[in-house]
Protein backbone atom coordinates (compact mmCIF):
# COMPACT_ATOMS: atom_id res chain seq x y z
CA MET A 1 114.80 69.65 -220.68
CA MET A 2 112.62 68.72 -217.75
CA LYS A 3 109.54 66.63 -218.38
CA TRP A 4 107.16 69.17 -216.89
CA LEU A 5 107.92 71.55 -219.76
CA HIS A 6 106.33 69.04 -222.17
CA GLN A 7 103.05 68.93 -220.26
CA LEU A 8 100.11 70.85 -221.69
CA ARG A 9 99.29 72.46 -218.34
CA TRP A 10 102.70 74.10 -218.01
CA LYS A 11 102.83 75.01 -221.68
CA LEU A 12 99.59 76.94 -221.25
CA PHE A 13 100.85 78.55 -218.05
CA ILE A 14 104.17 79.66 -219.60
CA SER A 15 102.43 81.03 -222.68
CA HIS A 16 100.06 83.08 -220.51
CA LEU A 17 102.97 84.27 -218.37
CA ILE A 18 105.00 85.39 -221.39
CA ILE A 19 102.03 87.34 -222.72
CA VAL A 20 101.52 89.09 -219.39
CA LEU A 21 105.23 89.98 -219.09
CA MET A 22 105.34 91.37 -222.61
CA ALA A 23 102.25 93.46 -221.94
CA TYR A 24 103.78 94.69 -218.68
CA VAL A 25 107.06 95.75 -220.34
CA VAL A 26 105.26 97.55 -223.15
CA LEU A 27 102.96 99.28 -220.67
CA LEU A 28 105.90 100.45 -218.53
CA ALA A 29 107.89 101.78 -221.49
CA ALA A 30 104.88 103.53 -223.01
CA ALA A 31 104.00 105.19 -219.69
CA ASN A 32 107.52 106.59 -219.29
CA VAL A 33 107.62 107.96 -222.82
CA LEU A 34 104.19 109.51 -222.62
CA ALA A 35 104.90 111.05 -219.22
CA SER A 36 108.12 112.63 -220.51
CA ILE A 37 106.47 114.00 -223.63
CA GLY A 38 103.47 115.29 -221.73
CA LEU A 39 105.51 117.27 -219.17
CA THR A 40 108.04 118.79 -221.57
CA GLY A 41 105.35 119.97 -223.93
CA PHE A 42 103.98 122.57 -221.50
CA ALA A 43 105.53 126.05 -220.92
CA PRO A 44 107.30 126.57 -217.59
CA LEU A 45 105.49 128.30 -214.79
CA THR A 46 106.01 132.17 -214.50
CA LEU A 47 105.54 134.48 -211.46
CA GLY A 48 104.95 137.78 -213.24
CA SER A 49 106.69 140.19 -215.62
CA ALA A 50 108.80 141.86 -212.93
CA ALA A 51 110.38 138.59 -211.82
CA ALA A 52 110.91 137.55 -215.40
CA GLU A 53 112.70 140.83 -216.23
CA THR A 54 115.11 140.48 -213.34
CA GLY A 55 115.79 136.77 -214.16
CA GLN A 56 116.06 135.89 -210.48
CA LEU A 57 113.52 133.02 -210.60
CA GLY A 58 114.42 131.40 -213.97
CA ALA A 59 116.80 128.87 -212.59
CA SER A 60 114.49 127.91 -209.73
CA VAL A 61 111.56 127.40 -212.09
CA THR A 62 113.60 125.12 -214.33
CA ASN A 63 114.75 123.09 -211.37
CA ALA A 64 111.18 122.80 -210.12
CA ALA A 65 110.01 121.56 -213.50
CA VAL A 66 112.75 118.94 -213.60
CA GLU A 67 111.96 117.82 -210.07
CA LEU A 68 108.24 117.67 -210.92
CA GLN A 69 108.94 115.54 -213.99
CA GLU A 70 111.16 113.17 -212.05
CA GLN A 71 108.62 112.90 -209.24
CA PHE A 72 105.80 112.22 -211.74
CA GLN A 73 107.83 109.53 -213.50
CA SER A 74 108.66 107.96 -210.16
CA VAL A 75 104.99 107.87 -209.17
CA ILE A 76 104.03 106.39 -212.54
CA GLN A 77 106.72 103.73 -212.28
CA GLN A 78 105.69 102.77 -208.75
CA ALA A 79 102.03 102.60 -209.77
CA LEU A 80 102.88 100.50 -212.78
CA LEU A 81 105.09 98.20 -210.75
CA ILE A 82 102.38 97.64 -208.16
CA SER A 83 99.62 97.21 -210.75
CA GLY A 84 101.88 95.03 -212.89
CA PHE A 85 102.63 92.63 -210.05
CA ALA A 86 98.93 92.56 -209.17
CA ALA A 87 98.07 91.79 -212.79
CA LEU A 88 100.80 89.13 -212.90
CA ALA A 89 99.44 87.45 -209.76
CA ALA A 90 95.92 87.53 -211.18
CA ALA A 91 97.17 86.13 -214.50
CA VAL A 92 99.01 83.30 -212.73
CA ALA A 93 95.88 82.37 -210.76
CA VAL A 94 93.65 82.51 -213.85
CA SER A 95 96.20 80.59 -215.93
CA LEU A 96 96.46 77.81 -213.38
CA PHE A 97 92.66 77.61 -213.11
CA VAL A 98 92.16 77.54 -216.88
CA SER A 99 94.99 75.07 -217.39
CA ARG A 100 93.49 72.78 -214.80
CA ARG A 101 90.05 72.98 -216.39
CA ILE A 102 91.56 72.11 -219.76
CA VAL A 103 94.15 69.53 -218.77
CA GLU A 104 92.15 67.44 -216.30
CA PRO A 105 89.47 66.40 -218.85
CA ILE A 106 92.22 65.57 -221.34
CA GLN A 107 93.94 63.43 -218.71
CA THR A 108 90.62 61.68 -218.06
CA LEU A 109 90.20 61.03 -221.78
CA SER A 110 93.74 59.69 -221.93
CA GLN A 111 93.08 57.28 -219.06
CA VAL A 112 89.83 56.06 -220.62
CA SER A 113 91.48 55.54 -224.00
CA ARG A 114 94.26 53.51 -222.37
CA ARG A 115 91.67 51.36 -220.62
CA LEU A 116 89.87 50.83 -223.91
CA ALA A 117 93.13 49.81 -225.56
CA GLN A 118 93.62 47.25 -222.79
CA GLY A 119 90.24 45.67 -223.55
CA PHE A 120 88.05 47.29 -220.88
CA TYR A 121 85.28 48.35 -223.28
CA ARG A 122 82.85 49.45 -220.57
CA GLU A 123 84.95 52.43 -219.50
CA ARG A 124 83.20 55.76 -220.01
CA THR A 125 83.99 59.44 -219.42
CA ALA A 126 81.79 61.73 -217.32
CA ILE A 127 82.68 65.21 -218.54
CA HIS A 128 79.74 67.62 -218.31
CA ALA A 129 80.30 70.72 -220.41
CA ASP A 130 79.34 72.26 -223.73
CA ASP A 131 82.75 72.92 -225.27
CA GLU A 132 84.96 71.03 -227.72
CA ILE A 133 86.46 68.84 -224.99
CA ALA A 134 82.97 67.65 -224.02
CA GLN A 135 82.30 66.84 -227.67
CA LEU A 136 85.54 64.87 -227.76
CA ALA A 137 84.48 63.01 -224.60
CA GLN A 138 81.15 62.17 -226.22
CA SER A 139 82.97 60.85 -229.28
CA VAL A 140 85.17 58.68 -227.05
CA ASN A 141 82.05 57.30 -225.33
CA GLN A 142 80.50 56.52 -228.70
CA LEU A 143 83.70 54.74 -229.71
CA ALA A 144 83.61 52.77 -226.47
CA ASP A 145 79.98 51.78 -227.14
CA ALA A 146 80.89 50.59 -230.63
CA LEU A 147 83.86 48.60 -229.30
CA ASP A 148 81.69 47.09 -226.58
CA GLN A 149 79.06 46.02 -229.10
CA THR A 150 81.72 44.61 -231.42
CA GLU A 151 83.21 42.61 -228.56
CA ARG A 152 79.79 41.25 -227.63
CA ARG A 153 79.15 40.25 -231.24
CA ARG A 154 82.55 38.58 -231.35
CA LEU A 155 81.82 36.56 -228.23
CA ALA A 156 78.37 35.68 -229.57
CA LEU A 157 79.95 34.62 -232.86
CA LEU A 158 82.39 32.34 -231.08
CA ALA A 159 79.57 30.79 -229.07
CA ASP A 160 77.41 30.32 -232.18
CA VAL A 161 80.23 28.81 -234.21
CA THR A 162 81.05 26.45 -231.35
CA HIS A 163 77.42 25.41 -231.10
CA GLU A 164 77.01 24.95 -234.86
CA LEU A 165 80.17 22.82 -235.07
CA ARG A 166 79.41 20.79 -231.97
CA THR A 167 76.12 19.32 -233.27
CA PRO A 168 77.40 17.50 -236.38
CA LEU A 169 80.64 16.52 -234.64
CA ALA A 170 78.69 15.02 -231.74
CA THR A 171 76.51 13.05 -234.18
CA ILE A 172 79.50 11.74 -236.11
CA GLY A 173 81.38 10.90 -232.92
CA GLY A 174 78.40 9.09 -231.44
CA TYR A 175 77.88 6.89 -234.47
CA MET A 176 81.60 6.14 -234.78
CA GLU A 177 81.73 5.05 -231.13
CA GLY A 178 78.69 2.89 -231.75
CA LEU A 179 80.39 1.29 -234.72
CA VAL A 180 83.56 0.65 -232.71
CA ASP A 181 81.63 -0.86 -229.78
CA GLY A 182 79.41 -2.89 -232.07
CA VAL A 183 76.24 -1.19 -230.80
CA VAL A 184 75.47 0.32 -234.23
CA SER A 185 75.45 -1.95 -237.23
CA ALA A 186 77.75 -1.11 -240.12
CA ASN A 187 75.17 -0.77 -242.89
CA PRO A 188 74.72 1.74 -245.73
CA ALA A 189 72.11 3.69 -243.75
CA THR A 190 74.58 4.40 -240.96
CA PHE A 191 77.29 5.42 -243.37
CA ASN A 192 74.87 7.66 -245.27
CA LEU A 193 73.90 9.38 -242.03
CA ILE A 194 77.55 9.98 -241.14
CA LEU A 195 78.18 11.23 -244.67
CA ARG A 196 75.21 13.60 -244.43
CA GLU A 197 76.52 15.09 -241.17
CA THR A 198 79.99 15.39 -242.66
CA ARG A 199 78.63 17.30 -245.65
CA ARG A 200 76.61 19.52 -243.36
CA LEU A 201 79.75 20.30 -241.39
CA GLN A 202 81.60 20.99 -244.63
CA ARG A 203 78.87 23.36 -245.83
CA LEU A 204 78.96 25.23 -242.53
CA ILE A 205 82.73 25.68 -242.75
CA GLU A 206 82.43 26.88 -246.35
CA ASP A 207 79.71 29.35 -245.34
CA LEU A 208 81.88 30.67 -242.52
CA GLU A 209 84.81 31.07 -244.88
CA LEU A 210 82.65 32.84 -247.42
CA LEU A 211 81.18 35.13 -244.75
CA SER A 212 84.64 36.07 -243.46
CA ARG A 213 85.82 36.86 -246.99
CA VAL A 214 82.74 38.94 -247.73
CA GLU A 215 83.01 40.94 -244.50
CA ALA A 216 86.72 41.51 -245.11
CA GLY A 217 86.02 42.75 -248.65
CA GLN A 218 88.12 39.94 -250.16
CA LEU A 219 85.35 38.45 -252.28
CA PRO A 220 85.61 39.90 -255.81
CA VAL A 221 82.46 41.58 -257.12
CA VAL A 222 82.76 42.33 -260.84
CA ALA A 223 79.81 44.57 -261.64
CA ARG A 224 78.78 45.13 -265.24
CA ALA A 225 75.64 45.81 -267.27
CA ILE A 226 73.53 42.63 -267.24
CA ASP A 227 69.98 41.54 -268.02
CA LEU A 228 68.41 40.57 -264.73
CA ARG A 229 65.45 38.51 -265.95
CA PRO A 230 67.60 35.56 -267.25
CA VAL A 231 69.31 35.40 -263.84
CA LEU A 232 65.93 35.23 -262.10
CA GLU A 233 64.61 32.60 -264.53
CA GLU A 234 67.70 30.43 -264.08
CA GLN A 235 67.43 30.34 -260.29
CA ILE A 236 63.69 29.68 -260.39
CA ALA A 237 64.29 26.77 -262.78
CA GLN A 238 66.86 25.29 -260.38
CA PHE A 239 64.58 25.60 -257.34
CA GLU A 240 61.38 24.48 -259.08
CA PRO A 241 61.84 20.71 -258.45
CA LEU A 242 62.66 21.30 -254.77
CA PHE A 243 59.60 23.52 -254.23
CA SER A 244 57.36 21.13 -256.17
CA SER A 245 58.46 18.22 -253.99
CA ASN A 246 57.18 20.20 -250.99
CA GLN A 247 53.98 21.19 -252.86
CA VAL A 248 54.95 24.88 -252.89
CA ASN A 249 54.23 26.96 -255.96
CA LEU A 250 57.22 28.99 -257.19
CA CYS A 251 56.57 31.64 -259.86
CA LEU A 252 58.10 34.74 -261.46
CA ASP A 253 56.31 38.07 -261.76
CA ALA A 254 58.47 40.38 -263.87
CA PRO A 255 58.09 42.27 -267.17
CA GLU A 256 59.64 40.74 -270.25
CA GLN A 257 61.87 43.77 -270.80
CA LEU A 258 63.60 44.75 -267.59
CA PRO A 259 66.28 47.45 -267.94
CA GLN A 260 69.85 46.36 -267.50
CA VAL A 261 71.33 46.60 -264.01
CA TRP A 262 74.89 47.25 -262.89
CA ALA A 263 75.69 44.06 -260.97
CA ASP A 264 77.66 40.82 -260.84
CA PRO A 265 75.40 38.00 -262.11
CA ASP A 266 77.16 35.34 -260.02
CA ARG A 267 76.70 37.35 -256.81
CA VAL A 268 73.09 38.16 -257.64
CA ALA A 269 72.47 34.45 -258.19
CA GLN A 270 74.07 33.71 -254.81
CA VAL A 271 71.78 36.24 -253.11
CA LEU A 272 68.72 34.67 -254.77
CA ILE A 273 69.84 31.19 -253.72
CA ASN A 274 70.12 32.26 -250.08
CA ILE A 275 66.75 34.05 -250.07
CA LEU A 276 64.90 31.29 -251.95
CA ALA A 277 66.38 28.65 -249.64
CA ASN A 278 65.09 30.67 -246.70
CA ALA A 279 61.64 30.95 -248.31
CA TYR A 280 61.55 27.19 -248.97
CA ARG A 281 62.49 26.45 -245.38
CA TYR A 282 59.66 28.52 -243.87
CA THR A 283 56.83 28.07 -246.40
CA PRO A 284 54.53 25.11 -245.62
CA SER A 285 52.97 22.81 -248.19
CA GLY A 286 50.32 24.45 -250.32
CA GLY A 287 51.97 27.86 -250.07
CA THR A 288 53.29 30.16 -252.78
CA VAL A 289 56.62 31.91 -253.31
CA THR A 290 56.70 34.71 -255.88
CA VAL A 291 59.79 36.43 -257.26
CA HIS A 292 58.59 39.94 -258.08
CA ALA A 293 60.72 42.43 -260.06
CA ARG A 294 59.99 46.02 -261.06
CA ALA A 295 62.11 48.98 -262.26
CA ASP A 296 62.04 52.73 -261.77
CA ASP A 297 64.28 55.57 -262.95
CA HIS A 298 67.22 54.62 -260.72
CA GLU A 299 67.05 50.94 -259.75
CA VAL A 300 65.41 47.56 -260.11
CA ARG A 301 63.65 46.20 -257.05
CA VAL A 302 63.42 42.43 -256.57
CA ALA A 303 61.14 40.97 -253.89
CA VAL A 304 60.83 37.32 -252.85
CA ILE A 305 57.32 37.09 -251.40
CA ASP A 306 56.16 33.98 -249.56
CA THR A 307 53.01 32.90 -247.76
CA GLY A 308 54.94 31.22 -244.98
CA VAL A 309 55.06 31.48 -241.20
CA GLY A 310 55.78 35.22 -241.14
CA ILE A 311 58.11 37.18 -238.88
CA ALA A 312 57.38 39.23 -235.78
CA ALA A 313 58.22 42.93 -236.02
CA GLU A 314 60.91 42.83 -233.32
CA HIS A 315 62.96 40.32 -235.35
CA LEU A 316 62.98 42.18 -238.67
CA PRO A 317 65.94 44.52 -237.93
CA HIS A 318 68.16 41.55 -236.91
CA LEU A 319 67.48 39.03 -239.67
CA PHE A 320 70.66 39.88 -241.58
CA GLU A 321 72.97 39.55 -238.58
CA ARG A 322 75.31 36.60 -238.36
CA PHE A 323 73.80 33.45 -236.81
CA TYR A 324 70.60 35.27 -235.92
CA ARG A 325 67.62 32.92 -235.73
CA VAL A 326 64.07 33.91 -234.90
CA ASP A 327 63.34 30.73 -232.98
CA LYS A 328 66.36 29.88 -230.87
CA SER A 329 64.99 26.44 -230.07
CA ARG A 330 64.40 25.45 -233.69
CA ALA A 331 66.24 22.35 -234.81
CA ARG A 332 69.28 22.77 -237.03
CA ASN A 333 67.71 20.70 -239.79
CA SER A 334 64.85 23.19 -240.19
CA GLY A 335 66.36 26.42 -238.96
CA GLY A 336 69.39 26.93 -241.17
CA SER A 337 72.74 28.26 -239.99
CA GLY A 338 71.86 31.95 -239.89
CA ILE A 339 74.68 32.81 -242.29
CA GLY A 340 72.96 32.98 -245.69
CA LEU A 341 71.13 36.27 -245.13
CA ALA A 342 74.26 37.88 -243.68
CA ILE A 343 76.16 36.90 -246.82
CA ALA A 344 73.32 38.22 -249.00
CA ARG A 345 73.41 41.58 -247.25
CA HIS A 346 77.13 42.06 -247.82
CA LEU A 347 76.90 41.00 -251.46
CA ILE A 348 74.07 43.44 -252.17
CA TYR A 349 75.90 46.28 -250.41
CA ALA A 350 79.02 45.52 -252.45
CA GLN A 351 76.97 46.04 -255.63
CA GLY A 352 75.56 49.39 -254.51
CA GLY A 353 72.10 48.13 -253.54
CA GLU A 354 69.97 47.78 -250.44
CA ILE A 355 68.30 44.78 -248.83
CA TRP A 356 65.66 44.48 -246.12
CA ALA A 357 62.80 42.30 -244.91
CA GLU A 358 59.11 43.02 -244.34
CA SER A 359 56.31 41.04 -242.76
CA ASP A 360 52.78 41.74 -241.61
CA GLY A 361 53.18 39.42 -238.62
CA ILE A 362 53.11 35.78 -237.61
CA GLY A 363 51.28 33.58 -240.11
CA LYS A 364 51.07 36.36 -242.74
CA GLY A 365 54.14 35.59 -244.83
CA SER A 366 57.22 37.69 -245.43
CA ARG A 367 58.92 39.73 -248.14
CA PHE A 368 62.67 39.88 -248.70
CA ILE A 369 63.47 42.83 -250.93
CA PHE A 370 66.72 43.97 -252.51
CA THR A 371 67.58 46.65 -255.05
CA LEU A 372 70.21 46.90 -257.77
CA PRO A 373 71.24 50.13 -259.52
CA LEU A 374 70.51 50.56 -263.21
CA ALA A 375 73.38 50.37 -265.66
CA PRO A 376 74.71 53.90 -266.37
CA GLN A 377 73.49 54.09 -269.96
CA MET A 378 70.06 52.74 -268.98
CA ALA A 379 69.69 55.40 -266.27
CA VAL A 380 70.44 58.12 -268.83
CA VAL A 381 68.04 56.69 -271.39
CA ARG A 382 65.19 56.39 -268.92
CA LEU A 383 65.60 60.00 -267.88
CA GLU A 384 65.32 61.32 -271.46
CA PRO A 385 61.90 62.71 -272.40
CA MET A 386 59.89 60.73 -274.95
CA THR A 387 59.03 62.26 -278.36
CA VAL A 388 56.20 61.67 -280.79
CA ALA A 389 58.50 59.64 -283.01
CA ASP A 390 59.29 57.31 -280.14
CA VAL A 391 55.59 56.63 -279.54
CA THR A 392 54.81 55.99 -283.20
């Protein structure tokens, strides 16, 4: 079979042509049948009683009726043939026009999709209509936008990872060259500095590995009914010496009896570690960091509130992106890697919660808030109406 028969344009054309031919055949057959029935159903013409009695004109009248019927059928057939060919020509023209209007946008979409598959993510379609094909073109453009953004994030990630790895490697390499050349003395202080940079590099690699596992959904999250307050108290106790050394007050503001939440305690602790480390990094001496927890009928909301440097409004939507840093020029020692909050976001989402940041502006502190769903039995209990016996 020829290739052109597999093209949508010719499939549409042949389908339209078959429909027209079938309609034409049915029309022709029906016209002949109706014409025959219509003529034979009438009485033959008569020329008076005298002629009928003699019988001289009977044969001529019958012949005239037959000739009239044949002539009428011939006229009908000719008219149908002419009109049928005219309708066929019109159908062919309309079919080609419609097929072209349908096939050309599909061919455009096919070309754009091939370009996208080849890595040209800035290709777009320009189909202006209000039908389903235009909706498909809009969907393809949205897909292209998403691929373009993903590619930009990938390139940015590669650049950020390269930058984050280059700094400790350059420090280690510089000191090792100094040791080899005898410029730097081989004393414990030098070795401690190299060890510190090595550990920093190791932590960065571990964070990258953890982030890749979290984003790929390979990090196990075993949610169960847990008491949240002990998890909060444990993390505050671990961070208390560090905050005290920087003269920052760290406190907990939560009721004694919080309802149980449906979460993984290890992952919740990891989220708290990342948020508290961020609060410690950006809260100056004399400030306060408060871990605030409250519950409603569906979830428990935890907020880490600090009196630190604050965050401008334009940075709030991007804080949980990978390697995003508010101050691009900030030193690595004070600015963090920009991975902790991205990990926290994925861990909270994996447990069915939400996480976001709020701030009233520069110098007015910030609030990092996340939610965890209540354990199923706790949600049912809290929704039950209280009775007099419960109060007494």
